[in-house]
Amino acid sequence: MFLREEKGGEVQTKEMLYCPMMGTHEPVPDTATAWREEHGHAWVFNPWTGRQRTPIEIEQDPQGRVLIPPGETPTGECERHLFMEFRASGALGQFRRAGWCGRLDAQRLIVKLHKDEQVLSFKLTDPVDEERYYQLLHLEVWRLATQ
């Protein structure tokens, strides 16, 4: 279950069955939000299913913020975040085809790009930065198409 936090985020309150770090039963504390606040470690296991997460899953979402307990549906805020993450990830692939190197911080939705000596950073939760990111993508795709 998700509840709205006073800071504007969402809090996962459904009891976890497995320790996100070790995969053992009965983690302490037993809610996702409390566990993140107390431990802050990367989540190697899904705390509701016990399934070990892949290295890429851990890299993209170290603290399991996009893991949804079985039987629950993502909230609107979670869906928007996932949509922005997948869209940014796809765009990053196009940037790589255009000769850029880059990295997406999926949790904070920040993209860092570099090409030659040029280094750019985009905070995709800021509408102005998000627009700059996709405008640059459009220009790079156009440049590739017209070469």
Protein backbone atom coordinates (compact mmCIF):
# COMPACT_ATOMS: atom_id res chain seq x y z
CA MET A 1 0.00 0.00 0.00
CA PHE A 2 1.21 3.51 -0.78
CA LEU A 3 0.51 6.60 1.30
CA ARG A 4 1.42 10.17 0.44
CA GLU A 5 4.34 11.56 2.42
CA GLU A 6 4.33 15.16 3.59
CA LYS A 7 7.41 15.81 1.43
CA GLY A 8 5.37 14.99 -1.68
CA GLY A 9 6.64 11.44 -2.27
CA GLU A 10 4.90 8.16 -1.67
CA VAL A 11 5.52 5.71 1.16
CA GLN A 12 5.29 1.93 0.83
CA THR A 13 3.55 0.56 3.92
CA LYS A 14 2.88 -3.10 3.01
CA GLU A 15 4.87 -5.43 5.26
CA MET A 16 7.93 -6.93 3.58
CA LEU A 17 8.45 -10.69 3.81
CA TYR A 18 12.16 -10.84 2.93
CA CYS A 19 15.21 -8.74 3.75
CA PRO A 20 16.05 -6.63 0.66
CA MET A 21 19.77 -7.06 1.28
CA MET A 22 20.11 -10.73 2.35
CA GLY A 23 16.90 -12.39 1.13
CA THR A 24 16.17 -13.85 4.57
CA HIS A 25 12.70 -13.94 6.16
CA GLU A 26 11.38 -11.29 8.54
CA PRO A 27 13.36 -8.11 7.81
CA VAL A 28 13.61 -5.46 10.51
CA PRO A 29 12.16 -2.92 10.08
CA ASP A 30 9.46 -4.57 8.00
CA THR A 31 8.19 -1.72 5.79
CA ALA A 32 10.04 -0.48 2.71
CA THR A 33 10.17 3.15 3.71
CA ALA A 34 11.46 2.43 7.22
CA TRP A 35 14.03 -0.05 5.89
CA ARG A 36 15.36 2.50 3.36
CA GLU A 37 15.66 5.17 6.05
CA GLU A 38 17.45 2.88 8.49
CA HIS A 39 19.77 0.91 6.18
CA GLY A 40 20.13 2.69 2.83
CA HIS A 41 21.80 -0.35 1.19
CA ALA A 42 21.13 -1.57 -2.32
CA TRP A 43 18.24 -4.00 -2.56
CA VAL A 44 19.62 -7.30 -3.86
CA PHE A 45 16.31 -9.12 -3.29
CA ASN A 46 12.69 -8.21 -3.91
CA PRO A 47 11.34 -7.91 -0.35
CA TRP A 48 7.86 -9.17 -1.26
CA THR A 49 8.77 -12.17 -3.43
CA GLY A 50 12.29 -13.07 -2.26
CA ARG A 51 13.48 -13.17 -5.89
CA GLN A 52 17.09 -12.05 -6.41
CA ARG A 53 17.31 -8.95 -8.58
CA THR A 54 19.62 -8.77 -11.60
CA PRO A 55 22.67 -6.47 -11.57
CA ILE A 56 21.00 -4.14 -14.10
CA GLU A 57 17.85 -3.92 -11.93
CA ILE A 58 20.01 -3.02 -8.92
CA GLU A 59 22.01 -0.46 -10.91
CA GLN A 60 18.88 1.25 -12.25
CA ASP A 61 16.92 1.18 -8.97
CA PRO A 62 19.29 0.49 -6.06
CA GLN A 63 16.76 0.95 -3.27
CA GLY A 64 13.84 -0.81 -4.95
CA ARG A 65 11.65 2.26 -5.29
CA VAL A 66 9.92 0.90 -8.40
CA LEU A 67 9.26 -2.55 -6.91
CA ILE A 68 5.53 -3.02 -6.37
CA PRO A 69 4.17 -5.53 -3.85
CA PRO A 70 2.18 -8.38 -5.47
CA GLY A 71 -1.50 -7.58 -5.91
CA GLU A 72 -0.97 -3.81 -5.84
CA THR A 73 -1.11 -1.45 -8.77
CA PRO A 74 1.32 1.41 -9.31
CA THR A 75 0.11 4.84 -8.27
CA GLY A 76 -0.10 7.71 -10.74
CA GLU A 77 3.14 9.17 -9.43
CA CYS A 78 4.92 5.82 -9.81
CA GLU A 79 3.57 5.37 -13.35
CA ARG A 80 4.72 8.88 -14.35
CA HIS A 81 8.17 8.17 -12.96
CA LEU A 82 8.43 4.86 -14.83
CA PHE A 83 7.21 6.46 -18.06
CA MET A 84 9.83 9.23 -17.77
CA GLU A 85 12.52 6.67 -16.95
CA PHE A 86 11.75 4.41 -19.93
CA ARG A 87 11.45 7.38 -22.29
CA ALA A 88 14.77 8.83 -21.09
CA SER A 89 16.46 5.43 -21.36
CA GLY A 90 15.30 5.03 -24.97
CA ALA A 91 16.50 8.53 -25.80
CA LEU A 92 19.86 7.74 -24.22
CA GLY A 93 20.21 4.84 -26.65
CA GLN A 94 19.64 7.24 -29.54
CA PHE A 95 22.25 9.63 -28.14
CA ARG A 96 24.73 6.76 -28.05
CA ARG A 97 24.06 6.08 -31.73
CA ALA A 98 24.92 9.75 -32.36
CA GLY A 99 28.30 9.39 -30.62
CA TRP A 100 27.40 10.58 -27.12
CA CYS A 101 28.25 8.74 -23.92
CA GLY A 102 25.82 9.03 -21.08
CA ARG A 103 24.27 7.71 -17.94
CA LEU A 104 20.75 7.84 -16.52
CA ASP A 105 20.20 8.03 -12.77
CA ALA A 106 16.82 6.31 -12.89
CA GLN A 107 15.93 7.07 -9.30
CA ARG A 108 16.51 10.83 -9.52
CA LEU A 109 15.79 11.08 -13.28
CA ILE A 110 19.04 12.85 -14.06
CA VAL A 111 20.86 12.26 -17.36
CA LYS A 112 24.53 13.09 -17.82
CA LEU A 113 25.83 13.21 -21.38
CA HIS A 114 29.29 13.85 -22.74
CA LYS A 115 30.75 13.99 -26.21
CA ASP A 116 34.31 15.05 -26.86
CA GLU A 117 34.87 17.83 -24.30
CA GLN A 118 31.22 18.79 -23.98
CA VAL A 119 29.49 17.66 -20.75
CA LEU A 120 25.76 18.18 -20.17
CA SER A 121 23.44 17.33 -17.33
CA PHE A 122 19.63 17.23 -17.42
CA LYS A 123 17.29 16.94 -14.46
CA LEU A 124 14.24 15.48 -16.16
CA THR A 125 11.90 16.38 -13.30
CA ASP A 126 12.51 20.02 -14.28
CA PRO A 127 10.30 20.75 -17.33
CA VAL A 128 12.88 23.15 -18.81
CA ASP A 129 15.69 20.59 -18.56
CA GLU A 130 13.43 17.85 -19.90
CA GLU A 131 12.59 19.99 -22.92
CA ARG A 132 16.30 20.77 -23.50
CA TYR A 133 17.12 17.05 -23.37
CA TYR A 134 14.58 16.10 -26.01
CA GLN A 135 15.37 19.14 -28.19
CA LEU A 136 19.02 18.07 -28.23
CA LEU A 137 17.93 14.53 -29.09
CA HIS A 138 15.84 15.87 -31.99
CA LEU A 139 18.82 17.87 -33.29
CA GLU A 140 21.16 14.87 -33.03
CA VAL A 141 18.74 12.57 -34.83
CA TRP A 142 18.24 15.19 -37.54
CA ARG A 143 22.03 15.58 -37.88
CA LEU A 144 22.44 11.82 -38.30
CA ALA A 145 19.59 11.58 -40.79
CA THR A 146 20.95 14.37 -43.01
CA GLN A 147 24.60 13.26 -43.08
